[in-house]
Amino acid sequence: KETAYVFCCDKVLSYEDPSGDYRTLVFAQDKNAVDSNYLENNFKYLDLTAFEVDFTKVNYGDVKLNT
């Protein structure tokens, strides 16, 4: 009977990481330390502009409606 184990690894891309094309390579290794062929995947990490605005800190002074 053959048994397979699945290992996962999470890699979180930070907003500070550069946008662009990324490549991942994975392989398996048997109990005799023999490596499998590499599997390759590519993905594009898109750039995004985001900012936080806090309008509760803005002093608007006297505001009159419809004037």
Protein backbone atom coordinates (compact mmCIF):
# COMPACT_ATOMS: atom_id res chain seq x y z
CA LYS A 1 0.00 0.00 0.00
CA GLU A 2 1.35 3.41 -0.96
CA THR A 3 0.76 6.43 1.24
CA ALA A 4 0.97 10.09 0.34
CA TYR A 5 1.25 13.00 2.71
CA VAL A 6 0.23 16.52 1.83
CA PHE A 7 2.22 19.46 3.13
CA CYS A 8 1.03 23.02 2.73
CA CYS A 9 2.86 26.27 3.08
CA ASP A 10 1.23 29.67 3.28
CA LYS A 11 3.04 32.70 1.93
CA VAL A 12 1.30 35.97 2.54
CA LEU A 13 2.24 38.81 0.23
CA SER A 14 2.41 42.10 2.06
CA TYR A 15 1.22 45.38 0.61
CA GLU A 16 4.91 46.32 0.67
CA ASP A 17 5.86 43.48 -1.69
CA PRO A 18 6.38 44.65 -5.26
CA SER A 19 3.64 43.99 -7.78
CA GLY A 20 4.48 41.92 -10.82
CA ASP A 21 4.82 38.35 -12.02
CA TYR A 22 5.69 35.68 -9.45
CA ARG A 23 6.74 32.08 -10.06
CA THR A 24 6.25 29.14 -7.70
CA LEU A 25 8.06 25.82 -7.95
CA VAL A 26 7.04 22.72 -5.97
CA PHE A 27 8.33 19.17 -5.85
CA ALA A 28 7.77 15.97 -3.91
CA GLN A 29 10.37 13.79 -2.25
CA ASP A 30 10.03 10.10 -1.50
CA LYS A 31 11.31 8.27 1.58
CA ASN A 32 14.61 7.64 -0.22
CA ALA A 33 15.10 11.40 -0.69
CA VAL A 34 14.50 11.18 -4.44
CA ASP A 35 12.97 14.38 -5.81
CA SER A 36 10.11 14.47 -8.28
CA ASN A 37 9.97 16.74 -11.29
CA TYR A 38 9.23 20.35 -10.46
CA LEU A 39 5.74 21.71 -10.99
CA GLU A 40 5.69 25.38 -11.90
CA ASN A 41 2.95 27.97 -11.56
CA ASN A 42 2.96 31.68 -12.38
CA PHE A 43 0.69 34.42 -11.12
CA LYS A 44 0.50 38.19 -11.35
CA TYR A 45 0.42 40.19 -8.10
CA LEU A 46 -1.53 43.33 -9.03
CA ASP A 47 -0.72 46.75 -7.64
CA LEU A 48 -3.42 48.57 -5.71
CA THR A 49 -3.58 52.08 -4.34
CA ALA A 50 -5.40 52.32 -1.03
CA PHE A 51 -5.52 54.87 1.75
CA GLU A 52 -7.48 55.57 4.89
CA VAL A 53 -9.30 58.85 5.41
CA ASP A 54 -10.51 60.03 8.80
CA PHE A 55 -12.87 62.96 8.27
CA THR A 56 -13.81 63.13 11.96
CA LYS A 57 -10.52 64.93 12.65
CA VAL A 58 -11.16 67.73 10.10
CA ASN A 59 -12.31 71.05 11.56
CA TYR A 60 -14.86 72.38 9.07
CA GLY A 61 -15.63 75.55 11.05
CA ASP A 62 -19.14 77.01 10.80
CA VAL A 63 -21.14 75.18 8.15
CA LYS A 64 -24.47 76.54 6.89
CA LEU A 65 -26.86 74.46 4.83
CA ASN A 66 -27.84 75.70 1.32
CA THR A 67 -26.07 79.07 1.47
